[in-house]
């Protein structure tokens, strides 16, 4: 199933690139947004922690990607390339607006299964406070991971991009990419452990 999805994505990437090379930028842009728009928007909103800034970053990233499509020479597919552009735009926008919000990965990755019975309002409020505190702790730890390792962690664990695709995109060995992702995850866990010990 995953192999079929990868093939479909590769075919779509080739169509987008062929349209861009033929000068059909409007059609290439429409297909690019159809295939990757929602994913890039979700990632940008999650990274910035602000829907408005995330939307600006996503639009800007996709516009920049569309301009650069004709010169694209990557080997790992458009997805890692687009995520790298989006990550850079998020960082730039957060810096330019001097936002104090922590960049984050998608909140849904940290949600827990609901209790079988609805909690009392006071319990629900306490649980929401606890959930937000836990997410903020994870955001703070992840924000300390340097690029491109942070983006690689997000691409691999949130979007299912393989080690091989990341390695091809960055002209590194699979082992090197895997080791850097493993070290980044280990560092996040250490930071979370330190915060729990200090609580």
C-alpha atoms as a PDB file:
ATOM      1  CA  UNK A   1       0.000   0.000   0.000  1.00  0.00           C
ATOM      2  CA  UNK A   2       2.788   2.421   0.961  1.00  0.00           C
ATOM      3  CA  UNK A   3       4.738   1.481  -2.162  1.00  0.00           C
ATOM      4  CA  UNK A   4       1.689   2.322  -4.292  1.00  0.00           C
ATOM      5  CA  UNK A   5       1.271   5.670  -2.529  1.00  0.00           C
ATOM      6  CA  UNK A   6       4.968   6.433  -3.096  1.00  0.00           C
ATOM      7  CA  UNK A   7       4.598   5.607  -6.792  1.00  0.00           C
ATOM      8  CA  UNK A   8       1.514   7.798  -7.085  1.00  0.00           C
ATOM      9  CA  UNK A   9       3.346  10.653  -5.389  1.00  0.00           C
ATOM     10  CA  UNK A  10       6.349  10.226  -7.675  1.00  0.00           C
ATOM     11  CA  UNK A  11       4.057  10.337 -10.711  1.00  0.00           C
ATOM     12  CA  UNK A  12       2.384  13.500  -9.417  1.00  0.00           C
ATOM     13  CA  UNK A  13       5.796  15.060  -8.745  1.00  0.00           C
ATOM     14  CA  UNK A  14       6.829  14.289 -12.329  1.00  0.00           C
ATOM     15  CA  UNK A  15       3.619  15.857 -13.680  1.00  0.00           C
ATOM     16  CA  UNK A  16       4.188  19.005 -11.609  1.00  0.00           C
ATOM     17  CA  UNK A  17       7.802  19.276 -12.768  1.00  0.00           C
ATOM     18  CA  UNK A  18       6.875  18.620 -16.395  1.00  0.00           C
ATOM     19  CA  UNK A  19       4.210  21.339 -16.320  1.00  0.00           C
ATOM     20  CA  UNK A  20       6.679  23.795 -14.770  1.00  0.00           C
ATOM     21  CA  UNK A  21       9.351  22.923 -17.359  1.00  0.00           C
ATOM     22  CA  UNK A  22       6.806  23.465 -20.142  1.00  0.00           C
ATOM     23  CA  UNK A  23       5.993  26.925 -18.808  1.00  0.00           C
ATOM     24  CA  UNK A  24       2.519  25.953 -17.578  1.00  0.00           C
ATOM     25  CA  UNK A  25       3.052  27.565 -14.174  1.00  0.00           C
ATOM     26  CA  UNK A  26      -0.637  28.059 -13.419  1.00  0.00           C
ATOM     27  CA  UNK A  27      -1.358  24.354 -13.943  1.00  0.00           C
ATOM     28  CA  UNK A  28       1.801  23.318 -12.078  1.00  0.00           C
ATOM     29  CA  UNK A  29       0.856  25.578  -9.169  1.00  0.00           C
ATOM     30  CA  UNK A  30      -2.699  24.254  -9.021  1.00  0.00           C
ATOM     31  CA  UNK A  31      -1.472  20.657  -8.910  1.00  0.00           C
ATOM     32  CA  UNK A  32       1.254  21.491  -6.380  1.00  0.00           C
ATOM     33  CA  UNK A  33      -1.329  23.029  -4.042  1.00  0.00           C
ATOM     34  CA  UNK A  34      -3.771  20.163  -4.597  1.00  0.00           C
ATOM     35  CA  UNK A  35      -1.139  17.548  -3.690  1.00  0.00           C
ATOM     36  CA  UNK A  36       0.842  19.315  -0.957  1.00  0.00           C
ATOM     37  CA  UNK A  37      -1.068  22.452   0.068  1.00  0.00           C
ATOM     38  CA  UNK A  38      -2.953  21.048   3.060  1.00  0.00           C
ATOM     39  CA  UNK A  39       0.117  19.233   4.375  1.00  0.00           C
ATOM     40  CA  UNK A  40       2.362  22.301   4.126  1.00  0.00           C
ATOM     41  CA  UNK A  41      -0.320  24.508   5.712  1.00  0.00           C
ATOM     42  CA  UNK A  42      -0.749  22.094   8.608  1.00  0.00           C
ATOM     43  CA  UNK A  43       2.979  21.916   9.165  1.00  0.00           C
ATOM     44  CA  UNK A  44       3.394  25.709   9.057  1.00  0.00           C
ATOM     45  CA  UNK A  45       0.516  26.326  11.479  1.00  0.00           C
ATOM     46  CA  UNK A  46       1.929  23.692  13.826  1.00  0.00           C
ATOM     47  CA  UNK A  47       5.465  25.074  13.581  1.00  0.00           C
ATOM     48  CA  UNK A  48       4.491  28.671  14.253  1.00  0.00           C
ATOM     49  CA  UNK A  49       1.740  27.976  16.767  1.00  0.00           C
ATOM     50  CA  UNK A  50      -0.330  30.684  15.101  1.00  0.00           C
ATOM     51  CA  UNK A  51      -2.884  30.046  12.314  1.00  0.00           C
ATOM     52  CA  UNK A  52      -2.392  33.468  10.708  1.00  0.00           C
ATOM     53  CA  UNK A  53       1.413  33.310  10.674  1.00  0.00           C
ATOM     54  CA  UNK A  54       1.281  29.660   9.598  1.00  0.00           C
ATOM     55  CA  UNK A  55      -1.009  30.493   6.684  1.00  0.00           C
ATOM     56  CA  UNK A  56       1.292  33.320   5.590  1.00  0.00           C
ATOM     57  CA  UNK A  57       4.314  31.005   5.807  1.00  0.00           C
ATOM     58  CA  UNK A  58       2.577  28.262   3.822  1.00  0.00           C
ATOM     59  CA  UNK A  59       1.434  30.630   1.059  1.00  0.00           C
ATOM     60  CA  UNK A  60       4.870  32.178   0.819  1.00  0.00           C
ATOM     61  CA  UNK A  61       6.595  28.771   0.818  1.00  0.00           C
ATOM     62  CA  UNK A  62       4.368  27.419  -1.945  1.00  0.00           C
ATOM     63  CA  UNK A  63       4.818  30.597  -3.995  1.00  0.00           C
ATOM     64  CA  UNK A  64       8.601  30.373  -3.643  1.00  0.00           C
ATOM     65  CA  UNK A  65       8.521  26.702  -4.546  1.00  0.00           C
ATOM     66  CA  UNK A  66       6.472  27.416  -7.664  1.00  0.00           C
ATOM     67  CA  UNK A  67       9.014  30.014  -8.824  1.00  0.00           C
ATOM     68  CA  UNK A  68      11.880  27.562  -8.200  1.00  0.00           C
ATOM     69  CA  UNK A  69      10.217  24.487  -9.770  1.00  0.00           C
ATOM     70  CA  UNK A  70      11.769  24.991 -13.186  1.00  0.00           C
ATOM     71  CA  UNK A  71      15.249  24.791 -11.607  1.00  0.00           C
ATOM     72  CA  UNK A  72      14.475  21.883  -9.246  1.00  0.00           C
ATOM     73  CA  UNK A  73      17.162  19.202  -9.401  1.00  0.00           C
ATOM     74  CA  UNK A  74      16.400  17.218  -6.258  1.00  0.00           C
ATOM     75  CA  UNK A  75      16.436  13.427  -6.096  1.00  0.00           C
ATOM     76  CA  UNK A  76      14.218  12.704  -3.083  1.00  0.00           C
ATOM     77  CA  UNK A  77      10.907  14.045  -4.380  1.00  0.00           C
ATOM     78  CA  UNK A  78       9.177  17.348  -3.876  1.00  0.00           C
ATOM     79  CA  UNK A  79       7.889  16.652  -0.337  1.00  0.00           C
ATOM     80  CA  UNK A  80      11.197  17.036   1.605  1.00  0.00           C
ATOM     81  CA  UNK A  81      12.149  20.006  -0.578  1.00  0.00           C
ATOM     82  CA  UNK A  82       8.821  21.735   0.110  1.00  0.00           C
ATOM     83  CA  UNK A  83       9.068  21.061   3.833  1.00  0.00           C
ATOM     84  CA  UNK A  84      12.559  22.581   3.908  1.00  0.00           C
ATOM     85  CA  UNK A  85      11.278  25.736   2.190  1.00  0.00           C
ATOM     86  CA  UNK A  86       8.307  25.861   4.582  1.00  0.00           C
ATOM     87  CA  UNK A  87      10.527  25.395   7.640  1.00  0.00           C
ATOM     88  CA  UNK A  88      12.743  28.284   6.545  1.00  0.00           C
ATOM     89  CA  UNK A  89       9.749  30.556   5.949  1.00  0.00           C
ATOM     90  CA  UNK A  90       8.301  29.754   9.373  1.00  0.00           C
ATOM     91  CA  UNK A  91      11.598  30.618  11.023  1.00  0.00           C
ATOM     92  CA  UNK A  92      11.923  33.837   9.028  1.00  0.00           C
ATOM     93  CA  UNK A  93       8.372  34.977   9.790  1.00  0.00           C
ATOM     94  CA  UNK A  94       8.678  34.189  13.481  1.00  0.00           C
ATOM     95  CA  UNK A  95      11.929  36.133  13.659  1.00  0.00           C
ATOM     96  CA  UNK A  96      10.627  39.078  11.667  1.00  0.00           C
ATOM     97  CA  UNK A  97       7.523  39.375  13.848  1.00  0.00           C
ATOM     98  CA  UNK A  98       9.559  38.768  17.001  1.00  0.00           C
ATOM     99  CA  UNK A  99       7.071  36.206  18.135  1.00  0.00           C
ATOM    100  CA  UNK A 100       7.571  34.804  21.613  1.00  0.00           C
ATOM    101  CA  UNK A 101       5.583  31.710  20.812  1.00  0.00           C
ATOM    102  CA  UNK A 102       7.405  28.427  20.629  1.00  0.00           C
ATOM    103  CA  UNK A 103       7.458  26.601  17.357  1.00  0.00           C
ATOM    104  CA  UNK A 104       5.777  23.227  17.570  1.00  0.00           C
ATOM    105  CA  UNK A 105       4.769  20.086  15.768  1.00  0.00           C
ATOM    106  CA  UNK A 106       1.156  19.113  15.228  1.00  0.00           C
ATOM    107  CA  UNK A 107      -0.900  19.080  18.437  1.00  0.00           C
ATOM    108  CA  UNK A 108      -2.755  15.960  17.407  1.00  0.00           C
ATOM    109  CA  UNK A 109       0.406  13.919  17.905  1.00  0.00           C
ATOM    110  CA  UNK A 110       0.115  14.474  21.668  1.00  0.00           C
ATOM    111  CA  UNK A 111      -3.580  14.027  22.245  1.00  0.00           C
ATOM    112  CA  UNK A 112      -4.578  11.100  24.430  1.00  0.00           C
ATOM    113  CA  UNK A 113      -7.544   8.822  23.994  1.00  0.00           C
ATOM    114  CA  UNK A 114     -10.711  10.218  25.599  1.00  0.00           C
ATOM    115  CA  UNK A 115     -12.037   8.667  28.776  1.00  0.00           C
ATOM    116  CA  UNK A 116     -15.006   6.343  28.284  1.00  0.00           C
ATOM    117  CA  UNK A 117     -17.196   8.596  30.423  1.00  0.00           C
ATOM    118  CA  UNK A 118     -17.462  12.363  30.076  1.00  0.00           C
ATOM    119  CA  UNK A 119     -15.599  14.083  32.925  1.00  0.00           C
ATOM    120  CA  UNK A 120     -17.127  16.756  35.106  1.00  0.00           C
ATOM    121  CA  UNK A 121     -16.570  20.340  33.883  1.00  0.00           C
ATOM    122  CA  UNK A 122     -13.998  20.972  36.598  1.00  0.00           C
ATOM    123  CA  UNK A 123     -12.179  17.749  35.697  1.00  0.00           C
ATOM    124  CA  UNK A 124     -12.296  18.641  32.005  1.00  0.00           C
ATOM    125  CA  UNK A 125     -10.785  22.057  32.723  1.00  0.00           C
ATOM    126  CA  UNK A 126      -8.010  20.511  34.806  1.00  0.00           C
ATOM    127  CA  UNK A 127      -7.307  17.937  32.106  1.00  0.00           C
ATOM    128  CA  UNK A 128      -7.138  20.648  29.442  1.00  0.00           C
ATOM    129  CA  UNK A 129      -4.677  22.655  31.517  1.00  0.00           C
ATOM    130  CA  UNK A 130      -2.558  19.526  31.977  1.00  0.00           C
ATOM    131  CA  UNK A 131      -2.712  18.678  28.254  1.00  0.00           C
ATOM    132  CA  UNK A 132      -1.653  22.185  27.247  1.00  0.00           C
ATOM    133  CA  UNK A 133       1.198  22.118  29.752  1.00  0.00           C
ATOM    134  CA  UNK A 134       2.396  18.773  28.367  1.00  0.00           C
ATOM    135  CA  UNK A 135       2.242  20.056  24.777  1.00  0.00           C
ATOM    136  CA  UNK A 136       4.101  23.240  25.749  1.00  0.00           C
ATOM    137  CA  UNK A 137       6.815  21.115  27.385  1.00  0.00           C
ATOM    138  CA  UNK A 138       7.214  19.017  24.238  1.00  0.00           C
ATOM    139  CA  UNK A 139       7.237  22.163  22.080  1.00  0.00           C
ATOM    140  CA  UNK A 140       9.956  23.708  24.211  1.00  0.00           C
ATOM    141  CA  UNK A 141      12.109  20.581  23.978  1.00  0.00           C
ATOM    142  CA  UNK A 142      11.627  20.197  20.219  1.00  0.00           C
ATOM    143  CA  UNK A 143      12.376  23.891  19.632  1.00  0.00           C
ATOM    144  CA  UNK A 144      15.898  23.318  20.980  1.00  0.00           C
ATOM    145  CA  UNK A 145      16.736  20.854  18.200  1.00  0.00           C
ATOM    146  CA  UNK A 146      18.764  22.492  15.435  1.00  0.00           C
ATOM    147  CA  UNK A 147      17.819  22.453  11.772  1.00  0.00           C
ATOM    148  CA  UNK A 148      17.726  20.431   9.608  1.00  0.00           C
ATOM    149  CA  UNK A 149      17.414  17.698  12.250  1.00  0.00           C
ATOM    150  CA  UNK A 150      14.162  19.111  13.610  1.00  0.00           C
ATOM    151  CA  UNK A 151      12.574  19.170  10.166  1.00  0.00           C
ATOM    152  CA  UNK A 152      13.800  15.626   9.524  1.00  0.00           C
ATOM    153  CA  UNK A 153      12.204  14.423  12.778  1.00  0.00           C
ATOM    154  CA  UNK A 154       8.900  16.022  11.776  1.00  0.00           C
ATOM    155  CA  UNK A 155       9.032  14.697   8.216  1.00  0.00           C
ATOM    156  CA  UNK A 156       9.887  11.182   9.339  1.00  0.00           C
ATOM    157  CA  UNK A 157       7.523  10.809  12.308  1.00  0.00           C
ATOM    158  CA  UNK A 158       4.651  13.123  11.342  1.00  0.00           C
ATOM    159  CA  UNK A 159       4.557  12.691   7.567  1.00  0.00           C
ATOM    160  CA  UNK A 160       6.150   9.263   7.081  1.00  0.00           C
ATOM    161  CA  UNK A 161       9.042  10.415   4.876  1.00  0.00           C
ATOM    162  CA  UNK A 162      11.568   7.576   4.759  1.00  0.00           C
ATOM    163  CA  UNK A 163      15.230   7.722   5.759  1.00  0.00           C
ATOM    164  CA  UNK A 164      16.110   6.899   2.150  1.00  0.00           C
ATOM    165  CA  UNK A 165      14.147   9.861   0.753  1.00  0.00           C
ATOM    166  CA  UNK A 166      15.733  12.245   3.246  1.00  0.00           C
ATOM    167  CA  UNK A 167      19.183  10.839   2.497  1.00  0.00           C
ATOM    168  CA  UNK A 168      18.687  11.258  -1.264  1.00  0.00           C
ATOM    169  CA  UNK A 169      17.430  14.815  -0.852  1.00  0.00           C
ATOM    170  CA  UNK A 170      20.450  15.853   1.218  1.00  0.00           C
ATOM    171  CA  UNK A 171      23.058  13.676  -0.519  1.00  0.00           C
ATOM    172  CA  UNK A 172      23.856  11.782   2.671  1.00  0.00           C
ATOM    173  CA  UNK A 173      23.884   8.112   3.527  1.00  0.00           C
ATOM    174  CA  UNK A 174      20.764   6.500   4.989  1.00  0.00           C
ATOM    175  CA  UNK A 175      22.776   5.638   8.105  1.00  0.00           C
ATOM    176  CA  UNK A 176      23.811   9.267   8.602  1.00  0.00           C
ATOM    177  CA  UNK A 177      20.223  10.532   8.374  1.00  0.00           C
ATOM    178  CA  UNK A 178      18.945   7.777  10.658  1.00  0.00           C
ATOM    179  CA  UNK A 179      21.642   8.525  13.232  1.00  0.00           C
ATOM    180  CA  UNK A 180      20.906  12.265  13.248  1.00  0.00           C
ATOM    181  CA  UNK A 181      17.174  11.667  13.677  1.00  0.00           C
ATOM    182  CA  UNK A 182      17.865   9.156  16.458  1.00  0.00           C
ATOM    183  CA  UNK A 183      20.145  11.652  18.230  1.00  0.00           C
ATOM    184  CA  UNK A 184      17.525  14.412  17.898  1.00  0.00           C
ATOM    185  CA  UNK A 185      14.800  12.198  19.359  1.00  0.00           C
ATOM    186  CA  UNK A 186      17.141  11.112  22.167  1.00  0.00           C
ATOM    187  CA  UNK A 187      17.900  14.765  22.927  1.00  0.00           C
ATOM    188  CA  UNK A 188      14.178  15.637  23.082  1.00  0.00           C
ATOM    189  CA  UNK A 189      13.636  12.759  25.510  1.00  0.00           C
ATOM    190  CA  UNK A 190      16.566  13.935  27.642  1.00  0.00           C
ATOM    191  CA  UNK A 191      15.194  17.463  27.745  1.00  0.00           C
ATOM    192  CA  UNK A 192      11.758  16.183  28.711  1.00  0.00           C
ATOM    193  CA  UNK A 193      13.316  14.039  31.422  1.00  0.00           C
ATOM    194  CA  UNK A 194      15.311  16.991  32.778  1.00  0.00           C
ATOM    195  CA  UNK A 195      12.167  19.118  32.943  1.00  0.00           C
ATOM    196  CA  UNK A 196      10.267  16.380  34.761  1.00  0.00           C
ATOM    197  CA  UNK A 197      13.126  15.923  37.244  1.00  0.00           C
ATOM    198  CA  UNK A 198      13.217  19.652  37.882  1.00  0.00           C
ATOM    199  CA  UNK A 199       9.469  19.960  38.359  1.00  0.00           C
END
